[in-house]
N, C-alpha and C. Protein backbone atom coordinates (compact mmCIF):
# COMPACT_ATOMS: atom_id res chain seq x y z
N MET A 1 4.81 -29.77 48.16
CA MET A 1 3.53 -29.41 47.59
C MET A 1 3.28 -27.92 47.81
N ALA A 2 2.64 -27.30 46.86
CA ALA A 2 2.38 -25.86 46.94
C ALA A 2 1.32 -25.58 48.01
N PRO A 3 1.45 -24.44 48.67
CA PRO A 3 0.44 -24.10 49.67
C PRO A 3 -0.91 -23.82 48.99
N GLU A 4 -1.97 -24.22 49.65
CA GLU A 4 -3.30 -24.03 49.08
C GLU A 4 -3.72 -22.57 49.25
N THR A 5 -4.39 -22.05 48.22
CA THR A 5 -4.94 -20.70 48.31
C THR A 5 -6.45 -20.81 48.24
N ARG A 6 -7.09 -20.01 49.02
CA ARG A 6 -8.55 -20.04 49.06
C ARG A 6 -9.11 -19.31 47.86
N SER A 7 -10.28 -19.72 47.45
CA SER A 7 -10.90 -19.12 46.26
C SER A 7 -11.21 -17.65 46.49
N GLU A 8 -11.48 -17.26 47.74
CA GLU A 8 -11.74 -15.85 48.03
C GLU A 8 -10.51 -15.00 47.79
N GLU A 9 -9.34 -15.55 48.11
CA GLU A 9 -8.11 -14.81 47.87
C GLU A 9 -7.85 -14.64 46.38
N ILE A 10 -8.10 -15.69 45.62
CA ILE A 10 -7.91 -15.62 44.17
C ILE A 10 -8.88 -14.60 43.57
N LEU A 11 -10.13 -14.65 43.99
CA LEU A 11 -11.13 -13.71 43.49
C LEU A 11 -10.78 -12.27 43.90
N GLY A 12 -10.30 -12.10 45.12
CA GLY A 12 -9.90 -10.77 45.58
C GLY A 12 -8.74 -10.21 44.78
N ARG A 13 -7.75 -11.08 44.46
CA ARG A 13 -6.63 -10.64 43.63
C ARG A 13 -7.10 -10.25 42.23
N LYS A 14 -8.04 -11.02 41.69
CA LYS A 14 -8.57 -10.69 40.36
C LYS A 14 -9.27 -9.32 40.38
N TRP A 15 -10.09 -9.08 41.42
CA TRP A 15 -10.78 -7.80 41.51
C TRP A 15 -9.79 -6.65 41.69
N ASP A 16 -8.79 -6.84 42.52
CA ASP A 16 -7.79 -5.78 42.72
C ASP A 16 -7.07 -5.46 41.41
N ARG A 17 -6.65 -6.50 40.70
CA ARG A 17 -5.96 -6.30 39.43
C ARG A 17 -6.87 -5.62 38.42
N CYS A 18 -8.14 -6.04 38.43
CA CYS A 18 -9.11 -5.50 37.49
C CYS A 18 -9.37 -4.02 37.75
N LEU A 19 -9.59 -3.66 38.99
CA LEU A 19 -9.86 -2.25 39.32
C LEU A 19 -8.64 -1.37 39.08
N ALA A 20 -7.47 -1.87 39.40
CA ALA A 20 -6.26 -1.08 39.16
C ALA A 20 -6.03 -0.88 37.66
N ASP A 21 -6.23 -1.92 36.89
CA ASP A 21 -6.04 -1.83 35.44
C ASP A 21 -7.05 -0.87 34.82
N THR A 22 -8.31 -0.97 35.24
CA THR A 22 -9.35 -0.09 34.70
C THR A 22 -9.08 1.36 35.07
N THR A 23 -8.64 1.60 36.30
CA THR A 23 -8.34 2.98 36.73
C THR A 23 -7.21 3.57 35.90
N ILE A 24 -6.19 2.79 35.66
CA ILE A 24 -5.06 3.28 34.86
C ILE A 24 -5.51 3.57 33.43
N LYS A 25 -6.32 2.69 32.86
CA LYS A 25 -6.77 2.89 31.49
C LYS A 25 -7.70 4.10 31.38
N ILE A 26 -8.58 4.31 32.35
CA ILE A 26 -9.46 5.48 32.33
C ILE A 26 -8.63 6.76 32.45
N GLY A 27 -7.67 6.78 33.37
CA GLY A 27 -6.83 7.96 33.55
C GLY A 27 -6.00 8.26 32.31
N THR A 28 -5.43 7.23 31.71
CA THR A 28 -4.64 7.44 30.50
C THR A 28 -5.51 7.94 29.36
N GLY A 29 -6.69 7.37 29.21
CA GLY A 29 -7.61 7.83 28.17
C GLY A 29 -8.02 9.28 28.37
N ALA A 30 -8.27 9.67 29.62
CA ALA A 30 -8.64 11.06 29.90
C ALA A 30 -7.48 12.01 29.60
N ILE A 31 -6.28 11.61 29.95
CA ILE A 31 -5.10 12.46 29.69
C ILE A 31 -4.87 12.61 28.19
N VAL A 32 -4.92 11.50 27.47
CA VAL A 32 -4.73 11.57 26.02
C VAL A 32 -5.84 12.43 25.39
N GLY A 33 -7.07 12.26 25.85
CA GLY A 33 -8.17 13.08 25.34
C GLY A 33 -7.97 14.55 25.65
N ALA A 34 -7.46 14.87 26.84
CA ALA A 34 -7.21 16.27 27.19
C ALA A 34 -6.11 16.87 26.33
N VAL A 35 -5.08 16.10 26.07
CA VAL A 35 -4.00 16.59 25.21
C VAL A 35 -4.52 16.86 23.80
N PHE A 36 -5.29 15.93 23.27
CA PHE A 36 -5.87 16.14 21.94
C PHE A 36 -6.83 17.33 21.94
N SER A 37 -7.58 17.48 23.03
CA SER A 37 -8.50 18.60 23.12
C SER A 37 -7.75 19.93 23.11
N LEU A 38 -6.65 20.00 23.83
CA LEU A 38 -5.89 21.25 23.89
C LEU A 38 -5.18 21.55 22.57
N ILE A 39 -4.64 20.52 21.93
CA ILE A 39 -3.81 20.75 20.74
C ILE A 39 -4.66 20.85 19.47
N PHE A 40 -5.60 19.95 19.28
CA PHE A 40 -6.28 19.86 17.99
C PHE A 40 -7.70 20.40 17.97
N PHE A 41 -8.44 20.35 19.06
CA PHE A 41 -9.87 20.59 19.01
C PHE A 41 -10.34 21.84 19.76
N LYS A 42 -9.49 22.78 19.96
CA LYS A 42 -9.84 24.08 20.55
C LYS A 42 -10.59 23.95 21.87
N ARG A 43 -10.08 23.10 22.73
CA ARG A 43 -10.59 22.91 24.10
C ARG A 43 -12.05 22.46 24.17
N LYS A 44 -12.42 21.58 23.29
CA LYS A 44 -13.74 20.95 23.37
C LYS A 44 -13.69 19.85 24.41
N SER A 45 -14.84 19.44 24.90
CA SER A 45 -14.84 18.43 25.97
C SER A 45 -15.01 17.01 25.44
N TRP A 46 -15.45 16.84 24.20
CA TRP A 46 -15.73 15.49 23.73
C TRP A 46 -14.50 14.61 23.59
N PRO A 47 -13.29 15.12 23.28
CA PRO A 47 -12.15 14.19 23.22
C PRO A 47 -11.81 13.58 24.59
N VAL A 48 -12.02 14.36 25.66
CA VAL A 48 -11.76 13.82 27.00
C VAL A 48 -12.77 12.73 27.31
N THR A 49 -14.03 12.99 26.97
CA THR A 49 -15.08 11.99 27.20
C THR A 49 -14.82 10.74 26.37
N LEU A 50 -14.43 10.92 25.12
CA LEU A 50 -14.14 9.78 24.26
C LEU A 50 -12.97 8.96 24.81
N GLY A 51 -11.89 9.63 25.20
CA GLY A 51 -10.73 8.93 25.76
C GLY A 51 -11.07 8.18 27.03
N THR A 52 -11.88 8.80 27.88
CA THR A 52 -12.30 8.14 29.12
C THR A 52 -13.16 6.91 28.81
N GLY A 53 -14.06 7.05 27.86
CA GLY A 53 -14.91 5.92 27.48
C GLY A 53 -14.11 4.77 26.88
N ILE A 54 -13.13 5.11 26.05
CA ILE A 54 -12.29 4.06 25.47
C ILE A 54 -11.50 3.35 26.57
N GLY A 55 -10.97 4.11 27.51
CA GLY A 55 -10.25 3.50 28.63
C GLY A 55 -11.14 2.60 29.46
N LEU A 56 -12.36 3.05 29.72
CA LEU A 56 -13.31 2.24 30.49
C LEU A 56 -13.65 0.96 29.73
N GLY A 57 -13.86 1.07 28.44
CA GLY A 57 -14.17 -0.12 27.64
C GLY A 57 -13.03 -1.11 27.61
N MET A 58 -11.79 -0.60 27.50
CA MET A 58 -10.64 -1.51 27.51
C MET A 58 -10.49 -2.20 28.86
N GLY A 59 -10.70 -1.45 29.93
CA GLY A 59 -10.62 -2.04 31.26
C GLY A 59 -11.70 -3.10 31.47
N TYR A 60 -12.91 -2.79 31.00
CA TYR A 60 -14.01 -3.75 31.12
C TYR A 60 -13.72 -5.03 30.34
N ALA A 61 -13.18 -4.88 29.13
CA ALA A 61 -12.86 -6.06 28.32
C ALA A 61 -11.78 -6.90 29.00
N ASN A 62 -10.77 -6.25 29.57
CA ASN A 62 -9.73 -7.00 30.28
C ASN A 62 -10.30 -7.72 31.50
N CYS A 63 -11.23 -7.07 32.20
CA CYS A 63 -11.84 -7.71 33.37
C CYS A 63 -12.68 -8.92 32.95
N GLN A 64 -13.42 -8.77 31.88
CA GLN A 64 -14.18 -9.91 31.39
C GLN A 64 -13.27 -11.08 31.05
N HIS A 65 -12.16 -10.77 30.39
CA HIS A 65 -11.22 -11.84 30.05
C HIS A 65 -10.64 -12.48 31.31
N THR A 66 -10.35 -11.67 32.31
CA THR A 66 -9.79 -12.20 33.56
C THR A 66 -10.77 -13.11 34.27
N PHE A 67 -12.04 -12.69 34.34
CA PHE A 67 -13.01 -13.46 35.11
C PHE A 67 -13.59 -14.64 34.34
N TYR A 68 -13.74 -14.51 33.04
CA TYR A 68 -14.42 -15.54 32.28
C TYR A 68 -13.51 -16.34 31.36
N SER A 69 -12.21 -16.22 31.55
CA SER A 69 -11.29 -16.95 30.70
C SER A 69 -11.41 -18.44 30.96
N GLN A 70 -11.39 -19.22 29.89
CA GLN A 70 -11.52 -20.65 30.06
C GLN A 70 -10.18 -21.29 30.42
N PHE A 71 -9.08 -20.57 30.19
CA PHE A 71 -7.77 -21.10 30.50
C PHE A 71 -7.26 -20.48 31.80
N PRO A 72 -6.58 -21.26 32.63
CA PRO A 72 -6.00 -20.69 33.83
C PRO A 72 -4.84 -19.75 33.46
N PRO A 73 -4.44 -18.88 34.37
CA PRO A 73 -3.35 -17.97 34.05
C PRO A 73 -2.06 -18.72 33.72
N HIS A 74 -1.29 -18.17 32.82
CA HIS A 74 0.00 -18.72 32.39
C HIS A 74 -0.16 -20.11 31.79
N HIS A 75 -1.25 -20.31 31.10
CA HIS A 75 -1.49 -21.60 30.46
C HIS A 75 -0.88 -21.57 29.07
N ARG A 76 -0.02 -22.53 28.78
CA ARG A 76 0.56 -22.64 27.44
C ARG A 76 -0.34 -23.51 26.59
N ARG A 77 -0.85 -22.93 25.53
CA ARG A 77 -1.75 -23.68 24.67
C ARG A 77 -0.99 -24.60 23.72
N CYS A 78 0.19 -24.22 23.34
CA CYS A 78 0.92 -25.02 22.36
C CYS A 78 2.39 -25.10 22.75
N GLY A 79 3.08 -25.96 22.10
CA GLY A 79 4.49 -26.17 22.39
C GLY A 79 5.37 -25.17 21.65
N PRO A 80 6.66 -25.43 21.64
CA PRO A 80 7.58 -24.54 20.93
C PRO A 80 7.39 -24.65 19.43
N PRO A 81 7.88 -23.66 18.68
CA PRO A 81 7.75 -23.71 17.22
C PRO A 81 8.46 -24.93 16.64
N TRP A 82 8.04 -25.31 15.44
CA TRP A 82 8.55 -26.54 14.83
C TRP A 82 10.05 -26.48 14.60
N TRP A 83 10.61 -25.30 14.34
CA TRP A 83 12.04 -25.23 14.05
C TRP A 83 12.90 -25.39 15.30
N GLN A 84 12.30 -25.28 16.49
CA GLN A 84 13.05 -25.51 17.71
C GLN A 84 12.93 -26.95 18.20
N VAL A 85 11.95 -27.67 17.70
CA VAL A 85 11.72 -29.02 18.17
C VAL A 85 12.66 -30.01 17.50
N ASP A 86 12.77 -29.96 16.19
CA ASP A 86 13.50 -30.98 15.45
C ASP A 86 14.45 -30.32 14.46
N PRO A 87 15.77 -30.40 14.71
CA PRO A 87 16.71 -29.78 13.78
C PRO A 87 16.69 -30.40 12.39
N GLU A 88 16.39 -31.70 12.28
CA GLU A 88 16.31 -32.34 10.97
C GLU A 88 15.17 -31.76 10.15
N MET A 89 14.05 -31.50 10.81
CA MET A 89 12.91 -30.90 10.12
C MET A 89 13.26 -29.50 9.64
N ARG A 90 14.02 -28.75 10.44
CA ARG A 90 14.43 -27.40 10.06
C ARG A 90 15.28 -27.45 8.79
N GLU A 91 16.24 -28.39 8.74
CA GLU A 91 17.10 -28.51 7.56
C GLU A 91 16.29 -28.94 6.33
N LYS A 92 15.33 -29.83 6.54
CA LYS A 92 14.49 -30.28 5.44
C LYS A 92 13.71 -29.11 4.85
N TRP A 93 13.11 -28.29 5.69
CA TRP A 93 12.34 -27.14 5.21
C TRP A 93 13.25 -26.09 4.59
N LYS A 94 14.43 -25.94 5.15
CA LYS A 94 15.37 -24.97 4.58
C LYS A 94 15.74 -25.36 3.15
N LYS A 95 16.05 -26.65 2.93
CA LYS A 95 16.37 -27.12 1.58
C LYS A 95 15.18 -26.96 0.65
N HIS A 96 14.00 -27.28 1.15
CA HIS A 96 12.80 -27.16 0.34
C HIS A 96 12.60 -25.73 -0.14
N TRP A 97 12.73 -24.77 0.76
CA TRP A 97 12.50 -23.39 0.37
C TRP A 97 13.63 -22.83 -0.49
N GLU A 98 14.85 -23.31 -0.28
CA GLU A 98 15.94 -22.88 -1.16
C GLU A 98 15.70 -23.36 -2.59
N GLU A 99 15.28 -24.63 -2.75
CA GLU A 99 14.98 -25.15 -4.07
C GLU A 99 13.81 -24.40 -4.71
N ARG A 100 12.83 -24.11 -3.91
CA ARG A 100 11.67 -23.38 -4.43
C ARG A 100 12.06 -21.97 -4.86
N TRP A 101 12.92 -21.34 -4.08
CA TRP A 101 13.38 -19.99 -4.42
C TRP A 101 14.17 -20.00 -5.73
N LYS A 102 15.02 -21.01 -5.91
CA LYS A 102 15.80 -21.11 -7.13
C LYS A 102 14.90 -21.31 -8.35
N SER A 103 13.84 -22.07 -8.19
CA SER A 103 12.96 -22.34 -9.33
C SER A 103 12.11 -21.13 -9.71
N THR A 104 11.91 -20.20 -8.80
CA THR A 104 11.07 -19.04 -9.11
C THR A 104 11.87 -17.81 -9.50
N LYS A 105 13.21 -17.88 -9.44
CA LYS A 105 14.01 -16.73 -9.84
C LYS A 105 13.87 -16.50 -11.34
N PRO A 106 13.79 -15.25 -11.76
CA PRO A 106 13.71 -14.99 -13.20
C PRO A 106 15.01 -15.37 -13.89
N LYS A 107 14.88 -15.88 -15.09
CA LYS A 107 16.07 -16.28 -15.84
C LYS A 107 16.74 -15.04 -16.41
N GLU A 108 18.06 -15.09 -16.43
CA GLU A 108 18.80 -13.97 -17.00
C GLU A 108 18.70 -14.02 -18.52
N VAL A 109 18.46 -12.87 -19.10
CA VAL A 109 18.27 -12.79 -20.54
C VAL A 109 19.39 -11.94 -21.13
N ASP A 110 19.98 -12.43 -22.23
CA ASP A 110 21.00 -11.66 -22.94
C ASP A 110 20.27 -10.71 -23.89
N VAL A 111 20.34 -9.43 -23.60
CA VAL A 111 19.59 -8.43 -24.34
C VAL A 111 20.05 -8.35 -25.79
N LYS A 112 21.34 -8.43 -26.02
CA LYS A 112 21.85 -8.33 -27.39
C LYS A 112 21.31 -9.45 -28.26
N LYS A 113 21.26 -10.68 -27.75
CA LYS A 113 20.73 -11.80 -28.52
C LYS A 113 19.25 -11.60 -28.80
N GLU A 114 18.51 -11.08 -27.86
CA GLU A 114 17.09 -10.85 -28.04
C GLU A 114 16.84 -9.80 -29.10
N ILE A 115 17.66 -8.77 -29.14
CA ILE A 115 17.51 -7.71 -30.15
C ILE A 115 17.81 -8.26 -31.53
N LYS A 116 18.84 -9.09 -31.65
CA LYS A 116 19.18 -9.70 -32.92
C LYS A 116 18.04 -10.58 -33.43
N LYS A 117 17.42 -11.35 -32.55
CA LYS A 117 16.31 -12.20 -32.93
C LYS A 117 15.13 -11.37 -33.42
N GLU A 118 14.88 -10.24 -32.78
CA GLU A 118 13.77 -9.39 -33.19
C GLU A 118 14.03 -8.73 -34.53
N ASN A 119 15.28 -8.37 -34.81
CA ASN A 119 15.60 -7.69 -36.06
C ASN A 119 15.63 -8.63 -37.25
N GLU A 120 15.81 -9.90 -37.04
CA GLU A 120 15.90 -10.85 -38.15
C GLU A 120 14.60 -11.16 -38.77
């Protein structure tokens, strides 16, 4: 049986992950904003502020998802794709789409015959 973890430890890990992620996103946003400010905007301060704000917003959204997610971490909502489950089903769909592709291909037209028909 797996060792029990206390809820305080789980909450502490979530906060640590959340703060680290937000710090990285704020720093990256500020750096990207500074680069844009130096290259494109003649050293204005608003790109740095915008980048920092975007980083803060992304970090906040990730924290909200971490704390208020209805699914536990590493929860698989669905199974494998249908083509990995049943090889017979895969072959059935393959034949279906091959037939459908053949029926939608344009028919080859003999240009010389068409010109003769138009001239007559």
